[in-house]
PDB file of N, CA and C in Angstrom:
ATOM      1  N   UNK A   1     -26.362 -45.702   0.521  1.00  0.00           N
ATOM      2  CA  UNK A   1     -25.388 -44.246   0.003  1.00  0.00           C
ATOM      3  C   UNK A   1     -24.705 -44.432   0.873  1.00  0.00           C
ATOM      4  N   UNK A   2     -23.813 -43.899  -0.008  1.00  0.00           N
ATOM      5  CA  UNK A   2     -22.516 -43.913   0.393  1.00  0.00           C
ATOM      6  C   UNK A   2     -22.170 -42.285   0.223  1.00  0.00           C
ATOM      7  N   UNK A   3     -21.333 -41.805   0.824  1.00  0.00           N
ATOM      8  CA  UNK A   3     -20.884 -39.968   0.859  1.00  0.00           C
ATOM      9  C   UNK A   3     -19.044 -39.441   0.460  1.00  0.00           C
ATOM     10  N   UNK A   4     -19.180 -39.207  -0.589  1.00  0.00           N
ATOM     11  CA  UNK A   4     -17.721 -38.987  -0.727  1.00  0.00           C
ATOM     12  C   UNK A   4     -17.001 -37.788  -0.235  1.00  0.00           C
ATOM     13  N   UNK A   5     -16.126 -38.093   0.972  1.00  0.00           N
ATOM     14  CA  UNK A   5     -15.949 -36.985   2.238  1.00  0.00           C
ATOM     15  C   UNK A   5     -14.395 -36.723   1.206  1.00  0.00           C
ATOM     16  N   UNK A   6     -13.884 -37.200   0.962  1.00  0.00           N
ATOM     17  CA  UNK A   6     -12.974 -36.655  -0.238  1.00  0.00           C
ATOM     18  C   UNK A   6     -13.385 -34.772  -0.571  1.00  0.00           C
ATOM     19  N   UNK A   7     -14.369 -35.539  -1.614  1.00  0.00           N
ATOM     20  CA  UNK A   7     -15.134 -34.258  -2.265  1.00  0.00           C
ATOM     21  C   UNK A   7     -14.815 -33.375  -1.728  1.00  0.00           C
ATOM     22  N   UNK A   8     -16.257 -33.493  -0.548  1.00  0.00           N
ATOM     23  CA  UNK A   8     -15.870 -33.026   0.399  1.00  0.00           C
ATOM     24  C   UNK A   8     -14.862 -32.243   1.690  1.00  0.00           C
ATOM     25  N   UNK A   9     -14.370 -32.265   1.455  1.00  0.00           N
ATOM     26  CA  UNK A   9     -13.275 -32.068   1.926  1.00  0.00           C
ATOM     27  C   UNK A   9     -12.219 -31.291   1.802  1.00  0.00           C
ATOM     28  N   UNK A  10     -12.285 -31.554  -0.111  1.00  0.00           N
ATOM     29  CA  UNK A  10     -11.593 -30.817  -1.201  1.00  0.00           C
ATOM     30  C   UNK A  10     -12.383 -29.640  -1.787  1.00  0.00           C
ATOM     31  N   UNK A  11     -13.538 -29.320  -1.679  1.00  0.00           N
ATOM     32  CA  UNK A  11     -14.370 -28.822  -1.450  1.00  0.00           C
ATOM     33  C   UNK A  11     -14.279 -27.001  -0.427  1.00  0.00           C
ATOM     34  N   UNK A  12     -14.099 -27.594   0.408  1.00  0.00           N
ATOM     35  CA  UNK A  12     -14.208 -26.520   1.593  1.00  0.00           C
ATOM     36  C   UNK A  12     -12.217 -26.092   1.429  1.00  0.00           C
ATOM     37  N   UNK A  13     -11.620 -27.086   1.506  1.00  0.00           N
ATOM     38  CA  UNK A  13      -9.938 -26.826   1.282  1.00  0.00           C
ATOM     39  C   UNK A  13     -10.261 -25.142   0.267  1.00  0.00           C
ATOM     40  N   UNK A  14     -10.556 -25.815  -1.182  1.00  0.00           N
ATOM     41  CA  UNK A  14     -10.557 -25.077  -2.040  1.00  0.00           C
ATOM     42  C   UNK A  14     -11.038 -23.432  -1.912  1.00  0.00           C
ATOM     43  N   UNK A  15     -12.310 -23.750  -1.302  1.00  0.00           N
ATOM     44  CA  UNK A  15     -12.879 -22.642  -1.353  1.00  0.00           C
ATOM     45  C   UNK A  15     -12.357 -21.671  -0.430  1.00  0.00           C
ATOM     46  N   UNK A  16     -12.550 -22.339   0.965  1.00  0.00           N
ATOM     47  CA  UNK A  16     -11.810 -20.925   1.965  1.00  0.00           C
ATOM     48  C   UNK A  16     -10.550 -20.996   2.373  1.00  0.00           C
ATOM     49  N   UNK A  17      -9.510 -21.827   0.834  1.00  0.00           N
ATOM     50  CA  UNK A  17      -8.144 -21.815   1.048  1.00  0.00           C
ATOM     51  C   UNK A  17      -7.568 -22.123   2.768  1.00  0.00           C
ATOM     52  N   UNK A  18      -7.923 -23.640   2.866  1.00  0.00           N
ATOM     53  CA  UNK A  18      -7.365 -24.321   4.458  1.00  0.00           C
ATOM     54  C   UNK A  18      -7.046 -25.396   4.046  1.00  0.00           C
ATOM     55  N   UNK A  19      -5.619 -25.506   4.881  1.00  0.00           N
ATOM     56  CA  UNK A  19      -5.027 -26.864   4.647  1.00  0.00           C
ATOM     57  C   UNK A  19      -5.934 -28.019   5.196  1.00  0.00           C
ATOM     58  N   UNK A  20      -5.776 -28.844   5.183  1.00  0.00           N
ATOM     59  CA  UNK A  20      -5.615 -30.254   5.461  1.00  0.00           C
ATOM     60  C   UNK A  20      -6.535 -30.750   6.613  1.00  0.00           C
ATOM     61  N   UNK A  21      -5.808 -29.935   7.378  1.00  0.00           N
ATOM     62  CA  UNK A  21      -5.508 -30.427   9.385  1.00  0.00           C
ATOM     63  C   UNK A  21      -6.268 -29.331   9.466  1.00  0.00           C
ATOM     64  N   UNK A  22      -6.455 -28.276   8.905  1.00  0.00           N
ATOM     65  CA  UNK A  22      -7.126 -26.967   9.563  1.00  0.00           C
ATOM     66  C   UNK A  22      -8.879 -27.726   9.268  1.00  0.00           C
ATOM     67  N   UNK A  23      -8.869 -28.272   8.189  1.00  0.00           N
ATOM     68  CA  UNK A  23     -10.641 -28.897   7.395  1.00  0.00           C
ATOM     69  C   UNK A  23     -10.717 -29.806   8.791  1.00  0.00           C
ATOM     70  N   UNK A  24      -9.835 -30.759   9.091  1.00  0.00           N
ATOM     71  CA  UNK A  24     -10.201 -31.559   9.999  1.00  0.00           C
ATOM     72  C   UNK A  24     -10.287 -31.493  11.413  1.00  0.00           C
ATOM     73  N   UNK A  25      -9.832 -30.453  11.793  1.00  0.00           N
ATOM     74  CA  UNK A  25     -10.034 -30.034  13.093  1.00  0.00           C
ATOM     75  C   UNK A  25     -11.198 -29.004  13.447  1.00  0.00           C
ATOM     76  N   UNK A  26     -12.060 -28.810  11.646  1.00  0.00           N
ATOM     77  CA  UNK A  26     -13.002 -27.996  12.456  1.00  0.00           C
ATOM     78  C   UNK A  26     -14.717 -28.628  12.992  1.00  0.00           C
ATOM     79  N   UNK A  27     -15.055 -28.350  13.896  1.00  0.00           N
ATOM     80  CA  UNK A  27     -16.212 -29.095  14.352  1.00  0.00           C
ATOM     81  C   UNK A  27     -17.442 -29.278  13.101  1.00  0.00           C
ATOM     82  N   UNK A  28     -17.726 -30.754  13.440  1.00  0.00           N
ATOM     83  CA  UNK A  28     -18.702 -31.292  12.227  1.00  0.00           C
ATOM     84  C   UNK A  28     -19.759 -30.442  11.899  1.00  0.00           C
ATOM     85  N   UNK A  29     -20.059 -29.899  13.343  1.00  0.00           N
ATOM     86  CA  UNK A  29     -21.666 -28.835  12.120  1.00  0.00           C
ATOM     87  C   UNK A  29     -20.769 -27.331  11.909  1.00  0.00           C
ATOM     88  N   UNK A  30     -19.679 -26.984  11.953  1.00  0.00           N
ATOM     89  CA  UNK A  30     -19.210 -25.836  11.303  1.00  0.00           C
ATOM     90  C   UNK A  30     -18.772 -26.487   9.895  1.00  0.00           C
ATOM     91  N   UNK A  31     -17.936 -27.439   9.616  1.00  0.00           N
ATOM     92  CA  UNK A  31     -17.687 -27.664   8.323  1.00  0.00           C
ATOM     93  C   UNK A  31     -18.747 -27.498   7.425  1.00  0.00           C
ATOM     94  N   UNK A  32     -19.994 -28.431   8.016  1.00  0.00           N
ATOM     95  CA  UNK A  32     -20.728 -28.732   6.820  1.00  0.00           C
ATOM     96  C   UNK A  32     -22.256 -27.412   6.189  1.00  0.00           C
ATOM     97  N   UNK A  33     -21.782 -26.423   7.855  1.00  0.00           N
ATOM     98  CA  UNK A  33     -22.728 -25.217   7.538  1.00  0.00           C
ATOM     99  C   UNK A  33     -21.248 -24.519   6.356  1.00  0.00           C
ATOM    100  N   UNK A  34     -19.716 -24.278   6.523  1.00  0.00           N
ATOM    101  CA  UNK A  34     -18.851 -24.286   5.484  1.00  0.00           C
ATOM    102  C   UNK A  34     -19.514 -24.417   3.587  1.00  0.00           C
ATOM    103  N   UNK A  35     -19.560 -25.684   3.803  1.00  0.00           N
ATOM    104  CA  UNK A  35     -19.474 -26.446   2.957  1.00  0.00           C
ATOM    105  C   UNK A  35     -20.796 -26.048   2.195  1.00  0.00           C
ATOM    106  N   UNK A  36     -22.112 -25.760   2.572  1.00  0.00           N
ATOM    107  CA  UNK A  36     -23.401 -25.776   2.278  1.00  0.00           C
ATOM    108  C   UNK A  36     -23.556 -24.053   1.884  1.00  0.00           C
ATOM    109  N   UNK A  37     -22.721 -23.166   2.546  1.00  0.00           N
ATOM    110  CA  UNK A  37     -22.562 -22.024   1.948  1.00  0.00           C
ATOM    111  C   UNK A  37     -21.303 -21.099   0.675  1.00  0.00           C
ATOM    112  N   UNK A  38     -20.938 -22.943   0.032  1.00  0.00           N
ATOM    113  CA  UNK A  38     -20.142 -22.694  -0.825  1.00  0.00           C
ATOM    114  C   UNK A  38     -20.926 -22.294  -2.204  1.00  0.00           C
ATOM    115  N   UNK A  39     -21.658 -23.453  -2.274  1.00  0.00           N
ATOM    116  CA  UNK A  39     -22.854 -22.951  -3.187  1.00  0.00           C
ATOM    117  C   UNK A  39     -23.988 -21.394  -3.168  1.00  0.00           C
ATOM    118  N   UNK A  40     -24.201 -20.935  -1.800  1.00  0.00           N
ATOM    119  CA  UNK A  40     -24.742 -19.425  -1.589  1.00  0.00           C
ATOM    120  C   UNK A  40     -24.469 -18.473  -2.057  1.00  0.00           C
ATOM    121  N   UNK A  41     -22.543 -18.409  -1.925  1.00  0.00           N
ATOM    122  CA  UNK A  41     -21.968 -17.862  -2.161  1.00  0.00           C
ATOM    123  C   UNK A  41     -21.611 -17.277  -3.551  1.00  0.00           C
ATOM    124  N   UNK A  42     -21.529 -18.580  -3.845  1.00  0.00           N
ATOM    125  CA  UNK A  42     -20.858 -18.793  -5.482  1.00  0.00           C
ATOM    126  C   UNK A  42     -22.059 -17.817  -6.143  1.00  0.00           C
ATOM    127  N   UNK A  43     -22.839 -18.434  -5.884  1.00  0.00           N
ATOM    128  CA  UNK A  43     -24.615 -17.979  -6.946  1.00  0.00           C
ATOM    129  C   UNK A  43     -24.708 -16.891  -6.651  1.00  0.00           C
ATOM    130  N   UNK A  44     -24.410 -15.502  -5.328  1.00  0.00           N
ATOM    131  CA  UNK A  44     -24.079 -14.176  -5.055  1.00  0.00           C
ATOM    132  C   UNK A  44     -22.992 -13.755  -6.230  1.00  0.00           C
ATOM    133  N   UNK A  45     -22.396 -14.493  -6.580  1.00  0.00           N
ATOM    134  CA  UNK A  45     -21.326 -13.772  -7.305  1.00  0.00           C
ATOM    135  C   UNK A  45     -21.707 -13.725  -8.476  1.00  0.00           C
ATOM    136  N   UNK A  46     -21.878 -15.462  -8.937  1.00  0.00           N
ATOM    137  CA  UNK A  46     -22.193 -15.324  -9.996  1.00  0.00           C
ATOM    138  C   UNK A  46     -23.601 -13.735 -10.373  1.00  0.00           C
ATOM    139  N   UNK A  47     -24.678 -14.295  -9.935  1.00  0.00           N
ATOM    140  CA  UNK A  47     -25.338 -13.388  -9.858  1.00  0.00           C
ATOM    141  C   UNK A  47     -25.168 -11.573  -9.974  1.00  0.00           C
ATOM    142  N   UNK A  48     -24.369 -11.376  -9.527  1.00  0.00           N
ATOM    143  CA  UNK A  48     -23.771 -10.396 -10.039  1.00  0.00           C
ATOM    144  C   UNK A  48     -22.634 -10.222 -10.783  1.00  0.00           C
ATOM    145  N   UNK A  49     -21.973 -10.822 -11.196  1.00  0.00           N
ATOM    146  CA  UNK A  49     -20.915 -10.857 -12.382  1.00  0.00           C
ATOM    147  C   UNK A  49     -22.632 -10.791 -13.893  1.00  0.00           C
ATOM    148  N   UNK A  50     -23.486 -11.590 -14.050  1.00  0.00           N
ATOM    149  CA  UNK A  50     -24.756 -11.465 -15.007  1.00  0.00           C
ATOM    150  C   UNK A  50     -25.531 -10.125 -14.784  1.00  0.00           C
ATOM    151  N   UNK A  51     -25.396  -9.750 -13.533  1.00  0.00           N
ATOM    152  CA  UNK A  51     -25.968  -8.124 -13.080  1.00  0.00           C
ATOM    153  C   UNK A  51     -24.558  -7.266 -14.475  1.00  0.00           C
ATOM    154  N   UNK A  52     -23.336  -7.146 -14.154  1.00  0.00           N
ATOM    155  CA  UNK A  52     -23.024  -6.418 -14.077  1.00  0.00           C
ATOM    156  C   UNK A  52     -22.388  -7.057 -15.826  1.00  0.00           C
ATOM    157  N   UNK A  53     -22.420  -8.331 -16.500  1.00  0.00           N
ATOM    158  CA  UNK A  53     -22.714  -7.808 -18.104  1.00  0.00           C
ATOM    159  C   UNK A  53     -23.545  -7.296 -18.471  1.00  0.00           C
ATOM    160  N   UNK A  54     -25.072  -7.819 -18.188  1.00  0.00           N
ATOM    161  CA  UNK A  54     -25.850  -6.796 -18.582  1.00  0.00           C
ATOM    162  C   UNK A  54     -25.788  -5.258 -18.445  1.00  0.00           C
ATOM    163  N   UNK A  55     -25.706  -5.015 -18.030  1.00  0.00           N
ATOM    164  CA  UNK A  55     -25.462  -3.278 -17.630  1.00  0.00           C
ATOM    165  C   UNK A  55     -24.270  -3.052 -18.827  1.00  0.00           C
ATOM    166  N   UNK A  56     -23.679  -3.804 -18.516  1.00  0.00           N
ATOM    167  CA  UNK A  56     -22.245  -3.546 -19.565  1.00  0.00           C
ATOM    168  C   UNK A  56     -22.932  -3.295 -21.033  1.00  0.00           C
ATOM    169  N   UNK A  57     -23.293  -4.293 -21.730  1.00  0.00           N
ATOM    170  CA  UNK A  57     -24.275  -5.017 -22.664  1.00  0.00           C
ATOM    171  C   UNK A  57     -25.146  -3.764 -23.127  1.00  0.00           C
ATOM    172  N   UNK A  58     -25.584  -3.398 -22.209  1.00  0.00           N
ATOM    173  CA  UNK A  58     -26.535  -2.123 -22.623  1.00  0.00           C
ATOM    174  C   UNK A  58     -26.671  -1.314 -22.627  1.00  0.00           C
ATOM    175  N   UNK A  59     -25.326  -0.319 -22.763  1.00  0.00           N
ATOM    176  CA  UNK A  59     -25.043   0.495 -23.277  1.00  0.00           C
ATOM    177  C   UNK A  59     -25.068   1.716 -22.509  1.00  0.00           C
ATOM    178  N   UNK A  60     -26.747   1.534 -20.829  1.00  0.00           N
ATOM    179  CA  UNK A  60     -26.607   2.273 -19.786  1.00  0.00           C
ATOM    180  C   UNK A  60     -25.406   3.028 -19.108  1.00  0.00           C
ATOM    181  N   UNK A  61     -24.816   4.118 -19.414  1.00  0.00           N
ATOM    182  CA  UNK A  61     -24.018   4.482 -18.812  1.00  0.00           C
ATOM    183  C   UNK A  61     -24.613   5.087 -17.189  1.00  0.00           C
ATOM    184  N   UNK A  62     -25.568   5.336 -17.122  1.00  0.00           N
ATOM    185  CA  UNK A  62     -26.269   6.469 -15.546  1.00  0.00           C
ATOM    186  C   UNK A  62     -26.618   4.519 -14.906  1.00  0.00           C
ATOM    187  N   UNK A  63     -27.141   3.282 -15.613  1.00  0.00           N
ATOM    188  CA  UNK A  63     -27.594   1.940 -15.030  1.00  0.00           C
ATOM    189  C   UNK A  63     -25.777   1.706 -14.535  1.00  0.00           C
ATOM    190  N   UNK A  64     -25.414   2.054 -14.813  1.00  0.00           N
ATOM    191  CA  UNK A  64     -23.723   1.321 -14.732  1.00  0.00           C
ATOM    192  C   UNK A  64     -22.838   2.003 -13.886  1.00  0.00           C
ATOM    193  N   UNK A  65     -22.998   3.600 -13.793  1.00  0.00           N
ATOM    194  CA  UNK A  65     -22.655   4.288 -12.504  1.00  0.00           C
ATOM    195  C   UNK A  65     -23.886   3.973 -10.822  1.00  0.00           C
ATOM    196  N   UNK A  66     -24.989   3.979 -11.499  1.00  0.00           N
ATOM    197  CA  UNK A  66     -25.246   3.671 -10.378  1.00  0.00           C
ATOM    198  C   UNK A  66     -24.978   2.423  -9.671  1.00  0.00           C
ATOM    199  N   UNK A  67     -24.756   1.277 -10.377  1.00  0.00           N
ATOM    200  CA  UNK A  67     -24.093   0.331  -9.863  1.00  0.00           C
ATOM    201  C   UNK A  67     -22.546   0.068  -9.153  1.00  0.00           C
ATOM    202  N   UNK A  68     -21.984   1.070  -9.928  1.00  0.00           N
ATOM    203  CA  UNK A  68     -20.943   0.721  -9.119  1.00  0.00           C
ATOM    204  C   UNK A  68     -21.110   1.797  -8.361  1.00  0.00           C
ATOM    205  N   UNK A  69     -21.702   2.933  -7.596  1.00  0.00           N
ATOM    206  CA  UNK A  69     -22.014   3.380  -6.140  1.00  0.00           C
ATOM    207  C   UNK A  69     -22.551   2.544  -5.101  1.00  0.00           C
ATOM    208  N   UNK A  70     -23.376   1.502  -5.948  1.00  0.00           N
ATOM    209  CA  UNK A  70     -23.767   0.688  -4.998  1.00  0.00           C
ATOM    210  C   UNK A  70     -23.027  -0.518  -4.582  1.00  0.00           C
ATOM    211  N   UNK A  71     -22.347  -0.783  -5.609  1.00  0.00           N
ATOM    212  CA  UNK A  71     -20.719  -1.531  -4.608  1.00  0.00           C
ATOM    213  C   UNK A  71     -19.875  -1.081  -3.799  1.00  0.00           C
ATOM    214  N   UNK A  72     -19.478   0.039  -4.351  1.00  0.00           N
ATOM    215  CA  UNK A  72     -18.539   1.465  -3.514  1.00  0.00           C
ATOM    216  C   UNK A  72     -19.213   1.083  -2.251  1.00  0.00           C
ATOM    217  N   UNK A  73     -20.912   1.685  -2.243  1.00  0.00           N
ATOM    218  CA  UNK A  73     -21.138   1.294  -0.553  1.00  0.00           C
ATOM    219  C   UNK A  73     -21.039   0.314   0.167  1.00  0.00           C
ATOM    220  N   UNK A  74     -21.246  -0.801  -0.467  1.00  0.00           N
ATOM    221  CA  UNK A  74     -21.273  -2.284   0.414  1.00  0.00           C
ATOM    222  C   UNK A  74     -19.917  -2.261   0.980  1.00  0.00           C
ATOM    223  N   UNK A  75     -18.745  -1.533  -0.095  1.00  0.00           N
ATOM    224  CA  UNK A  75     -17.608  -2.367   0.660  1.00  0.00           C
ATOM    225  C   UNK A  75     -17.117  -1.032   1.890  1.00  0.00           C
ATOM    226  N   UNK A  76     -17.791   0.043   1.785  1.00  0.00           N
ATOM    227  CA  UNK A  76     -17.697   0.971   3.098  1.00  0.00           C
ATOM    228  C   UNK A  76     -16.424   2.069   2.897  1.00  0.00           C
ATOM    229  N   UNK A  77     -15.969   2.169   3.711  1.00  0.00           N
ATOM    230  CA  UNK A  77     -14.764   2.818   4.020  1.00  0.00           C
ATOM    231  C   UNK A  77     -13.707   2.783   5.152  1.00  0.00           C
ATOM    232  N   UNK A  78     -13.149   1.749   4.540  1.00  0.00           N
ATOM    233  CA  UNK A  78     -12.146   0.781   5.874  1.00  0.00           C
ATOM    234  C   UNK A  78     -11.528   1.581   6.679  1.00  0.00           C
ATOM    235  N   UNK A  79     -11.185   3.175   6.289  1.00  0.00           N
ATOM    236  CA  UNK A  79     -10.547   3.340   7.046  1.00  0.00           C
ATOM    237  C   UNK A  79     -10.799   5.070   6.949  1.00  0.00           C
ATOM    238  N   UNK A  80     -11.820   5.149   8.565  1.00  0.00           N
ATOM    239  CA  UNK A  80     -11.764   7.075   8.824  1.00  0.00           C
ATOM    240  C   UNK A  80     -10.643   7.689   8.539  1.00  0.00           C
ATOM    241  N   UNK A  81     -10.535   8.754   8.389  1.00  0.00           N
ATOM    242  CA  UNK A  81      -9.182   9.661   9.193  1.00  0.00           C
ATOM    243  C   UNK A  81      -9.901  10.647   9.582  1.00  0.00           C
ATOM    244  N   UNK A  82      -9.438  11.348  10.262  1.00  0.00           N
ATOM    245  CA  UNK A  82      -9.808  12.609  10.478  1.00  0.00           C
ATOM    246  C   UNK A  82      -8.851  13.504  10.234  1.00  0.00           C
ATOM    247  N   UNK A  83      -9.213  14.064   9.014  1.00  0.00           N
ATOM    248  CA  UNK A  83      -7.837  15.585   8.518  1.00  0.00           C
ATOM    249  C   UNK A  83      -7.625  16.022  10.124  1.00  0.00           C
ATOM    250  N   UNK A  84      -8.084  16.972  10.374  1.00  0.00           N
ATOM    251  CA  UNK A  84      -7.715  17.906  11.715  1.00  0.00           C
ATOM    252  C   UNK A  84      -6.961  17.221  12.673  1.00  0.00           C
ATOM    253  N   UNK A  85      -6.843  15.319  12.662  1.00  0.00           N
ATOM    254  CA  UNK A  85      -5.890  15.587  13.430  1.00  0.00           C
ATOM    255  C   UNK A  85      -4.757  15.028  13.255  1.00  0.00           C
ATOM    256  N   UNK A  86      -4.709  15.180  11.678  1.00  0.00           N
ATOM    257  CA  UNK A  86      -3.285  14.594  11.492  1.00  0.00           C
ATOM    258  C   UNK A  86      -2.134  16.681  11.642  1.00  0.00           C
ATOM    259  N   UNK A  87      -0.703  16.148  11.115  1.00  0.00           N
ATOM    260  CA  UNK A  87      -0.128  17.281  11.051  1.00  0.00           C
ATOM    261  C   UNK A  87       0.109  17.376   9.420  1.00  0.00           C
ATOM    262  N   UNK A  88       0.095  19.034   9.107  1.00  0.00           N
ATOM    263  CA  UNK A  88       0.292  19.863   8.410  1.00  0.00           C
ATOM    264  C   UNK A  88       1.169  18.789   7.166  1.00  0.00           C
ATOM    265  N   UNK A  89       0.540  17.847   5.930  1.00  0.00           N
ATOM    266  CA  UNK A  89       1.727  17.667   5.384  1.00  0.00           C
ATOM    267  C   UNK A  89       1.848  15.956   4.706  1.00  0.00           C
ATOM    268  N   UNK A  90       1.090  15.703   6.058  1.00  0.00           N
ATOM    269  CA  UNK A  90       1.195  13.848   6.590  1.00  0.00           C
ATOM    270  C   UNK A  90       1.033  13.571   5.413  1.00  0.00           C
ATOM    271  N   UNK A  91      -0.195  13.518   4.928  1.00  0.00           N
ATOM    272  CA  UNK A  91      -0.855  12.670   3.649  1.00  0.00           C
ATOM    273  C   UNK A  91      -0.245  12.636   2.466  1.00  0.00           C
ATOM    274  N   UNK A  92       0.398  13.964   2.168  1.00  0.00           N
ATOM    275  CA  UNK A  92       1.495  13.951   1.156  1.00  0.00           C
ATOM    276  C   UNK A  92       2.612  13.054   0.839  1.00  0.00           C
ATOM    277  N   UNK A  93       3.314  14.011   2.526  1.00  0.00           N
ATOM    278  CA  UNK A  93       4.302  11.815   2.084  1.00  0.00           C
ATOM    279  C   UNK A  93       4.241  11.194   1.952  1.00  0.00           C
ATOM    280  N   UNK A  94       2.451  10.803   2.788  1.00  0.00           N
ATOM    281  CA  UNK A  94       2.774   9.172   2.625  1.00  0.00           C
ATOM    282  C   UNK A  94       2.373   8.481   1.260  1.00  0.00           C
ATOM    283  N   UNK A  95       1.635   9.926   0.883  1.00  0.00           N
ATOM    284  CA  UNK A  95       1.352   9.211  -1.126  1.00  0.00           C
ATOM    285  C   UNK A  95       2.996   9.321  -1.478  1.00  0.00           C
ATOM    286  N   UNK A  96       3.458  10.211  -1.538  1.00  0.00           N
ATOM    287  CA  UNK A  96       4.995  10.191  -2.021  1.00  0.00           C
ATOM    288  C   UNK A  96       5.508   8.768  -1.399  1.00  0.00           C
ATOM    289  N   UNK A  97       5.386   7.859  -0.066  1.00  0.00           N
ATOM    290  CA  UNK A  97       5.753   6.007   0.207  1.00  0.00           C
ATOM    291  C   UNK A  97       5.085   5.737  -0.435  1.00  0.00           C
ATOM    292  N   UNK A  98       4.299   6.051  -0.709  1.00  0.00           N
ATOM    293  CA  UNK A  98       3.566   4.943  -2.116  1.00  0.00           C
ATOM    294  C   UNK A  98       3.704   4.638  -3.436  1.00  0.00           C
ATOM    295  N   UNK A  99       3.953   6.192  -3.793  1.00  0.00           N
ATOM    296  CA  UNK A  99       4.936   5.957  -5.069  1.00  0.00           C
ATOM    297  C   UNK A  99       3.701   7.477  -6.343  1.00  0.00           C
ATOM    298  N   UNK A 100       2.269   7.180  -5.222  1.00  0.00           N
ATOM    299  CA  UNK A 100       1.944   8.420  -5.594  1.00  0.00           C
ATOM    300  C   UNK A 100       2.521   9.963  -6.033  1.00  0.00           C
ATOM    301  N   UNK A 101       2.044  10.993  -7.191  1.00  0.00           N
ATOM    302  CA  UNK A 101       2.753  12.308  -6.838  1.00  0.00           C
ATOM    303  C   UNK A 101       2.055  13.496  -6.215  1.00  0.00           C
ATOM    304  N   UNK A 102       2.034  14.045  -5.824  1.00  0.00           N
ATOM    305  CA  UNK A 102       1.461  14.942  -4.648  1.00  0.00           C
ATOM    306  C   UNK A 102       0.172  15.035  -5.224  1.00  0.00           C
ATOM    307  N   UNK A 103      -0.896  14.884  -4.593  1.00  0.00           N
ATOM    308  CA  UNK A 103      -2.074  15.944  -4.612  1.00  0.00           C
ATOM    309  C   UNK A 103      -3.395  14.390  -6.005  1.00  0.00           C
ATOM    310  N   UNK A 104      -2.706  12.668  -5.804  1.00  0.00           N
ATOM    311  CA  UNK A 104      -2.924  11.989  -6.450  1.00  0.00           C
ATOM    312  C   UNK A 104      -3.334  11.075  -5.449  1.00  0.00           C
ATOM    313  N   UNK A 105      -4.165   9.820  -5.943  1.00  0.00           N
ATOM    314  CA  UNK A 105      -4.724   9.269  -4.756  1.00  0.00           C
ATOM    315  C   UNK A 105      -5.970   9.117  -3.719  1.00  0.00           C
TER     316      UNK A 105
END
């Protein structure tokens, strides 16, 4: 039996955007764990794409909206802001710095 180690190293480098040196510096158990999870993560993405394609082609606006809500819930809200702790007009100034007119975004 032979193992094409170059393939596995290249696979981990490509999927995780790691450079060669970083991959070689990984502990062996971590390297193989990362490699095993590539297919699992890709399968999860593929399942989501199949579901999205099926929903889009079904024409069910309600099912698509439910899916979008599920995705939004998965993402969560990474930044929680306490509006009462902000000085008046701070959000409008931030939005204008980001290029959005007042009241948008």
